[in-house]
Every structure is written in structure tokens, then in C-alpha cells.
Amino acid sequence: MPDSPIQLSDEVQEAVAAGRPVVALESTIISHGLPRPRNLELAQELEAIVRAGGAVPATIAVLDGRARVGLDKRQLERIANEDGLRKLGFRDLAPAVATGASGATTVSATAFLAQSAGISVFATGGLGGVHRDWATSQDESADLGLLARTRITVVCAGVKSILDVPATLQRLETLSVGVIGYRTAEFPGFYLRGSGQPVDWTLDTPEQVAAAMRAQQQLGGLHSALIVANPVPEDRQLDPALHDRVLAEALLAAGRDGVTGQAVTPYLLGYLVEHTHGASLEANLAAVRGNAALAARIACCDAAAD
């Protein structure tokens, strides 16, 4: 509808209506994750990867108070180049729409808007999770609660390694969010192929993932997400020894500098990028590219089965 707060691009709307494969992509990595002009280049590259895999890309953002599912060239350039764009989680969507604001969508907002638009597959880098100081701060990402009540398949490289990975997996179990390792029995470590934590289920093909999606739909019940944990390629992962050393230094530095609350995550990620001389960022980008390619294959298998 023209007055709806959620607007699908013509291409995405036609694909969803026809049952063709569509892959949702978040926009915070474009607006907040990379310097210009590399951010726009990555956004275009990810959409091209999805198209090469046979699916329609639907990059999601909020522009002038409208949630846009699928961006045209000009809109994508706005997300990459416009100053002052907000980072919008699910809880921010209503005030952003009401005030005519513009912003990039995080995992929680992207997953919600994608599912609302009829899209069943979403590719991202790493999920948010339980923070390491949870016992004192009670801080966990809104991603977890949103995925517990949103029926969507999320292809990711695990959760950010700066978080408490075992506690995050426990929280996902408590919330009844399914976790599948794609060709791995170990939960990925975002920058690393493995986190040292096992997964209960391993699937080896996009067809198997699509079958799990169909089974989840047929079973009904809870409208929770399905997480497909896809490890970064071994030759593109961050050196494990370098990762562990720099992360330990980053945690100490954050405590010394009095960094707390929402400032912790960007501080630690920035420290890793700086002190690994960009290697952590390259591992992150390799993971995102791989997740986009896998998500397209899964979406195609899912669409073919309908």
C-alpha cells in the first residue's frame, strides 16, 4: 500500500509475489561498518553476489520515515554517503517512522522487516549476543529476543567473538532458537572458523537447510528463527593467536579507559581492526561475502521446493 510504513521495491515485491528467491541484507555494515567509498563498493558487491546465486537482493534501511525493503541505486548511495544516519534496531523503528527519520537497520530491525515483507532468508556477518560482563550489566543484544519471535533463516558467521559465546549459545537454547552448523560441528567464531563450542546439528547442503526450513514451517508452533552458522573460509580467517592476543589486550584497554554500555562493542571492534592492521576487518568481509552466497543458494532451494 502507498501509505504503508514498509515499502518494497518493485523488483522485490514482484519476486515475493511470484515465489522467487529473495535474500535480505542489512545496511548498518554500509553506513557504520566501513569507510567511504569502500562501504558502497561492498554493498554493491553483496547484491551482485546474491544475484549471481540466482536470488534477488533486498538491502533494507529506513529512509525519510519509510522502511525500504530493496534499495535502488540512489537509495543505496544515500545509506553509504549520508552523514548522520542513525543505527536502527527493532525498537527504533516506530519512532523513526513517526518522525520521518533515516537510518540503517541492524540485525533485529532487518530480520523483522524482512519477515514482514515475506522474505524467509537473511544474510549478515555476525549476530549480537550476551556480553562478557552480563552478570553485572545484564547486557545482551536485542538480536536474541527478536529472533526468538521471528520466523526467518539467518545465515551468519556465528556471533562476534568479543561477546560471551557459550552464554549466547545457552541463551539461544533457552529461547528455542534453532542453530545449525553448515558443514561444521563447531559453532563459528566470527573472525575464526571455530569458537570451541559444539553445535547439535550439522547440515551439509543448501537443500538440507531448505528442508529444515520447510519442516519448521510445517511443524508450526513457536515463530522463532533458524540460525545457519557458516564459518569463514580457513584461508581467510584471522590468525587465531593474533586474535586471542589482541582481544585480550582490547578487553584490558576497555576496562582501563572506563568504556561501558553500548560503547563497548564499537570500542572493541575498532581496537581489533587497528591492532590487527585491518586483518580482522578483512576476515569479517570474507565471512559476509560467503554468507551472502550461501543465503542465495538456500533461498533458491527453498523457492524451488514450493
Protein backbone atom coordinates (compact mmCIF):
# COMPACT_ATOMS: atom_id res chain seq x y z
CA MET A 1 0.00 0.00 0.00
CA PRO A 2 1.31 3.52 -0.80
CA ASP A 3 0.77 4.75 2.77
CA SER A 4 2.30 1.69 4.45
CA PRO A 5 5.39 2.32 6.59
CA ILE A 6 7.01 -0.72 4.89
CA GLN A 7 7.70 -0.20 1.19
CA LEU A 8 9.00 -2.97 -1.06
CA SER A 9 10.88 -2.09 -4.23
CA ASP A 10 9.13 -3.15 -7.42
CA GLU A 11 11.70 -5.89 -8.02
CA VAL A 12 11.39 -7.32 -4.51
CA GLN A 13 7.60 -7.09 -4.50
CA GLU A 14 7.36 -8.92 -7.81
CA ALA A 15 9.79 -11.62 -6.66
CA VAL A 16 7.99 -12.20 -3.36
CA ALA A 17 4.60 -12.33 -5.09
CA ALA A 18 5.90 -14.85 -7.64
CA GLY A 19 7.62 -17.03 -5.04
CA ARG A 20 11.08 -16.35 -6.46
CA PRO A 21 14.12 -16.44 -4.16
CA VAL A 22 14.95 -13.25 -2.25
CA VAL A 23 17.76 -12.60 0.25
CA ALA A 24 17.56 -9.79 2.80
CA LEU A 25 20.71 -7.79 3.56
CA GLU A 26 21.26 -5.40 6.48
CA SER A 27 22.51 -1.86 5.99
CA THR A 28 24.50 -0.99 9.14
CA ILE A 29 27.64 -2.52 7.65
CA ILE A 30 27.25 0.06 4.85
CA SER A 31 26.60 3.14 6.98
CA HIS A 32 28.62 2.35 10.10
CA GLY A 33 30.94 -0.53 9.29
CA LEU A 34 33.31 0.71 6.59
CA PRO A 35 34.90 3.95 5.38
CA ARG A 36 33.76 5.61 2.16
CA PRO A 37 33.86 4.67 -0.69
CA ARG A 38 34.58 1.09 0.28
CA ASN A 39 31.23 0.80 2.01
CA LEU A 40 29.29 1.45 -1.19
CA GLU A 41 31.54 -0.92 -3.13
CA LEU A 42 30.79 -3.68 -0.60
CA ALA A 43 27.04 -3.00 -0.71
CA GLN A 44 27.08 -3.33 -4.49
CA GLU A 45 29.29 -6.42 -4.30
CA LEU A 46 26.97 -8.20 -1.85
CA GLU A 47 23.96 -7.51 -4.06
CA ALA A 48 25.91 -8.83 -7.05
CA ILE A 49 26.83 -12.00 -5.13
CA VAL A 50 23.18 -12.64 -4.33
CA ARG A 51 22.18 -12.08 -7.97
CA ALA A 52 24.96 -14.40 -9.16
CA GLY A 53 23.50 -17.05 -6.87
CA GLY A 54 20.11 -16.75 -8.57
CA ALA A 55 18.26 -14.67 -5.96
CA VAL A 56 17.01 -11.09 -5.71
CA PRO A 57 18.86 -8.94 -3.14
CA ALA A 58 16.77 -6.87 -0.73
CA THR A 59 19.00 -4.45 1.16
CA ILE A 60 16.91 -2.93 3.95
CA ALA A 61 17.01 0.54 5.51
CA VAL A 62 14.71 3.33 6.72
CA LEU A 63 14.65 6.47 4.58
CA ASP A 64 12.56 9.54 5.39
CA GLY A 65 10.30 7.58 7.69
CA ARG A 66 9.69 4.66 5.35
CA ALA A 67 11.14 1.19 5.84
CA ARG A 68 12.57 0.30 2.45
CA VAL A 69 12.89 -3.39 1.55
CA GLY A 70 15.08 -3.31 -1.52
CA LEU A 71 17.02 -0.18 -2.40
CA ASP A 72 17.61 1.41 -5.79
CA LYS A 73 20.96 2.90 -6.81
CA ARG A 74 20.24 6.33 -5.35
CA GLN A 75 18.94 4.94 -2.06
CA LEU A 76 21.94 2.67 -1.66
CA GLU A 77 24.21 5.67 -2.24
CA ARG A 78 22.33 7.60 0.44
CA ILE A 79 22.98 4.89 3.01
CA ALA A 80 26.65 4.84 2.06
CA ASN A 81 27.26 8.60 1.89
CA GLU A 82 24.72 10.48 4.00
CA ASP A 83 26.02 11.91 7.27
CA GLY A 84 24.10 11.50 10.49
CA LEU A 85 22.28 8.28 9.69
CA ARG A 86 21.08 6.53 12.81
CA LYS A 87 21.63 2.88 13.61
CA LEU A 88 18.14 1.41 13.98
CA GLY A 89 17.24 -1.72 15.90
CA PHE A 90 13.72 -3.12 16.04
CA ARG A 91 12.79 -0.91 18.99
CA ASP A 92 13.78 2.20 17.00
CA LEU A 93 11.56 1.53 14.00
CA ALA A 94 8.34 3.09 15.32
CA PRO A 95 9.87 6.44 16.37
CA ALA A 96 11.94 6.54 13.17
CA VAL A 97 8.81 6.09 11.05
CA ALA A 98 6.82 8.54 13.16
CA THR A 99 9.43 11.31 12.91
CA GLY A 100 10.41 10.77 9.27
CA ALA A 101 13.94 9.76 10.26
CA SER A 102 16.51 7.90 8.17
CA GLY A 103 18.80 5.16 9.37
CA ALA A 104 20.49 1.85 8.70
CA THR A 105 18.94 -1.33 10.09
CA THR A 106 20.68 -3.72 12.46
CA VAL A 107 20.10 -7.47 12.58
CA SER A 108 16.97 -7.16 14.73
CA ALA A 109 15.32 -4.50 12.55
CA THR A 110 16.35 -6.17 9.29
CA ALA A 111 15.05 -9.58 10.38
CA PHE A 112 11.71 -8.10 11.43
CA LEU A 113 11.23 -6.06 8.25
CA ALA A 114 12.32 -8.94 6.01
CA GLN A 115 9.88 -11.34 7.64
CA SER A 116 7.12 -8.73 7.47
CA ALA A 117 7.77 -8.41 3.73
CA GLY A 118 7.51 -12.16 3.15
CA ILE A 119 11.26 -12.84 2.86
CA SER A 120 12.48 -16.03 4.52
CA VAL A 121 16.30 -15.80 4.20
CA PHE A 122 18.60 -13.12 5.60
CA ALA A 123 22.40 -12.91 5.25
CA THR A 124 24.59 -10.98 7.69
CA GLY A 125 28.07 -11.08 9.20
CA GLY A 126 27.81 -11.92 12.89
CA LEU A 127 24.94 -11.80 15.36
CA GLY A 128 24.87 -9.88 18.59
CA GLY A 129 24.72 -11.87 21.81
CA VAL A 130 25.37 -11.96 25.54
CA HIS A 131 28.10 -9.58 26.68
CA ARG A 132 31.02 -10.81 28.74
CA ASP A 133 30.05 -8.77 31.79
CA TRP A 134 26.43 -9.94 31.75
CA ALA A 135 26.46 -10.90 35.44
CA THR A 136 26.89 -7.26 36.39
CA SER A 137 25.45 -5.37 33.42
CA GLN A 138 22.60 -7.70 32.28
CA ASP A 139 23.60 -6.61 28.76
CA GLU A 140 22.59 -8.74 25.81
CA SER A 141 21.82 -7.89 22.22
CA ALA A 142 18.24 -7.26 21.12
CA ASP A 143 19.01 -9.67 18.26
CA LEU A 144 18.38 -12.66 20.53
CA GLY A 145 14.91 -11.74 21.73
CA LEU A 146 13.79 -10.66 18.27
CA LEU A 147 14.99 -13.90 16.67
CA ALA A 148 13.05 -15.85 19.30
CA ARG A 149 9.80 -14.48 17.84
CA THR A 150 10.58 -14.03 14.15
CA ARG A 151 10.34 -16.86 11.61
CA ILE A 152 13.34 -16.25 9.37
CA THR A 153 16.51 -18.13 8.43
CA VAL A 154 19.65 -16.15 9.25
CA VAL A 155 22.94 -17.09 7.59
CA CYS A 156 25.80 -15.74 9.70
CA ALA A 157 29.35 -16.48 10.83
CA GLY A 158 28.31 -17.00 14.44
CA VAL A 159 28.35 -14.20 16.99
CA LYS A 160 31.02 -11.57 17.42
CA SER A 161 33.96 -13.09 19.31
CA ILE A 162 34.14 -10.09 21.66
CA LEU A 163 30.97 -11.50 23.28
CA ASP A 164 30.40 -14.40 25.65
CA VAL A 165 29.89 -17.13 23.07
CA PRO A 166 29.00 -20.03 25.44
CA ALA A 167 26.45 -17.84 27.25
CA THR A 168 24.99 -16.70 23.92
CA LEU A 169 24.51 -20.28 22.77
CA GLN A 170 22.88 -21.13 26.08
CA ARG A 171 20.57 -18.13 25.71
CA LEU A 172 19.62 -19.20 22.17
CA GLU A 173 18.77 -22.66 23.51
CA THR A 174 16.62 -21.15 26.26
CA LEU A 175 14.81 -19.03 23.65
CA SER A 176 14.25 -22.12 21.43
CA VAL A 177 16.14 -20.59 18.50
CA GLY A 178 17.48 -23.35 16.27
CA VAL A 179 21.21 -23.36 15.49
CA ILE A 180 22.65 -25.37 12.59
CA GLY A 181 26.32 -25.63 11.72
CA TYR A 182 26.83 -25.51 7.97
CA ARG A 183 29.43 -28.18 7.18
CA THR A 184 30.81 -27.80 10.70
CA ALA A 185 30.24 -29.42 14.10
CA GLU A 186 31.68 -26.37 15.83
CA PHE A 187 29.99 -23.01 16.20
CA PRO A 188 31.94 -20.44 14.14
CA GLY A 189 33.92 -17.73 15.88
CA PHE A 190 33.09 -14.84 13.53
CA TYR A 191 36.70 -13.89 12.67
CA LEU A 192 37.69 -17.54 13.21
CA ARG A 193 36.35 -20.79 11.77
CA GLY A 194 35.63 -22.13 15.24
CA SER A 195 34.79 -20.89 18.71
CA GLY A 196 35.48 -24.13 20.57
CA GLN A 197 31.74 -24.59 21.18
CA PRO A 198 29.88 -27.54 19.60
CA VAL A 199 26.63 -27.36 17.68
CA ASP A 200 23.97 -30.03 18.00
CA TRP A 201 23.11 -30.19 14.29
CA THR A 202 25.28 -30.14 11.17
CA LEU A 203 23.87 -29.85 7.65
CA ASP A 204 25.98 -30.12 4.52
CA THR A 205 23.93 -28.77 1.62
CA PRO A 206 21.59 -25.85 0.88
CA GLU A 207 18.92 -28.42 0.06
CA GLN A 208 19.13 -29.82 3.60
CA VAL A 209 18.81 -26.33 5.07
CA ALA A 210 15.78 -25.62 2.89
CA ALA A 211 14.25 -28.92 4.05
CA ALA A 212 14.77 -27.85 7.67
CA MET A 213 13.06 -24.55 6.88
CA ARG A 214 10.07 -26.37 5.41
CA ALA A 215 9.90 -28.72 8.39
CA GLN A 216 9.96 -25.78 10.78
CA GLN A 217 7.08 -24.18 8.87
CA GLN A 218 5.08 -27.41 8.77
CA LEU A 219 5.54 -28.06 12.48
CA GLY A 220 4.15 -24.64 13.35
CA GLY A 221 4.36 -23.67 16.99
CA LEU A 222 6.86 -21.01 18.02
CA HIS A 223 7.69 -18.39 15.41
CA SER A 224 11.42 -18.47 16.07
CA ALA A 225 14.36 -18.10 13.72
CA LEU A 226 16.69 -20.70 12.30
CA ILE A 227 20.37 -19.75 12.51
CA VAL A 228 22.68 -21.23 9.88
CA ALA A 229 26.21 -20.80 11.22
CA ASN A 230 28.58 -20.66 8.25
CA PRO A 231 32.31 -20.49 9.08
CA VAL A 232 34.65 -18.06 7.36
CA PRO A 233 36.91 -19.86 4.85
CA GLU A 234 40.01 -21.21 6.58
CA ASP A 235 42.38 -19.25 4.35
CA ARG A 236 40.53 -16.02 5.13
CA GLN A 237 40.15 -16.32 8.89
CA LEU A 238 42.10 -14.11 11.29
CA ASP A 239 45.22 -15.76 12.69
CA PRO A 240 43.91 -17.41 15.92
CA ALA A 241 46.94 -16.47 18.02
CA LEU A 242 46.76 -12.85 16.87
CA HIS A 243 43.03 -12.79 17.53
CA ASP A 244 43.37 -14.09 21.09
CA ARG A 245 46.23 -11.74 21.96
CA VAL A 246 44.64 -8.59 20.58
CA LEU A 247 41.21 -9.38 22.02
CA ALA A 248 42.74 -9.85 25.48
CA GLU A 249 44.53 -6.52 25.11
CA ALA A 250 41.30 -4.87 23.92
CA LEU A 251 39.34 -6.08 26.94
CA LEU A 252 42.00 -4.75 29.29
CA ALA A 253 42.10 -1.43 27.45
CA ALA A 254 38.31 -1.06 27.62
CA GLY A 255 38.39 -1.57 31.38
CA ARG A 256 41.28 0.86 31.79
CA ASP A 257 39.54 3.52 29.70
CA GLY A 258 36.24 3.11 31.54
CA VAL A 259 34.29 2.06 28.44
CA THR A 260 30.84 0.75 29.37
CA GLY A 261 27.38 0.02 27.94
CA GLN A 262 26.73 0.43 24.24
CA ALA A 263 30.19 1.93 23.74
CA VAL A 264 31.93 -1.39 24.49
CA THR A 265 31.21 -3.18 21.20
CA PRO A 266 32.39 -0.44 18.80
CA TYR A 267 35.43 0.16 21.04
CA LEU A 268 36.50 -3.49 20.96
CA LEU A 269 35.81 -3.92 17.24
CA GLY A 270 37.76 -0.75 16.47
CA TYR A 271 40.65 -1.91 18.65
CA LEU A 272 40.78 -5.22 16.80
CA VAL A 273 40.83 -3.53 13.41
CA GLU A 274 43.59 -1.14 14.44
CA HIS A 275 45.82 -3.62 16.25
CA THR A 276 45.47 -6.41 13.68
CA HIS A 277 46.29 -3.82 10.98
CA GLY A 278 42.95 -4.41 9.27
CA ALA A 279 43.14 -8.21 9.25
CA SER A 280 40.05 -8.57 11.45
CA LEU A 281 38.05 -6.41 9.05
CA GLU A 282 39.15 -8.49 6.07
CA ALA A 283 38.06 -11.68 7.87
CA ASN A 284 34.72 -10.06 8.63
CA LEU A 285 34.19 -9.09 4.99
CA ALA A 286 35.16 -12.58 3.80
CA ALA A 287 32.52 -14.01 6.13
CA VAL A 288 29.84 -11.61 4.89
CA ARG A 289 30.58 -12.47 1.26
CA GLY A 290 30.40 -16.19 1.98
CA ASN A 291 27.16 -15.79 3.90
CA ALA A 292 25.53 -13.85 1.05
CA ALA A 293 26.48 -16.56 -1.44
CA LEU A 294 25.19 -19.37 0.79
CA ALA A 295 21.98 -17.49 1.58
CA ALA A 296 21.25 -17.15 -2.15
CA ARG A 297 21.68 -20.89 -2.66
CA ILE A 298 19.41 -21.66 0.30
CA ALA A 299 16.77 -19.22 -0.92
CA CYS A 300 16.84 -20.82 -4.38
CA CYS A 301 16.41 -24.31 -2.91
CA ASP A 302 13.57 -23.10 -0.71
CA ALA A 303 11.79 -21.43 -3.61
CA ALA A 304 12.23 -24.49 -5.84
CA ALA A 305 10.52 -26.68 -3.25
CA ASP A 306 7.39 -24.54 -3.08
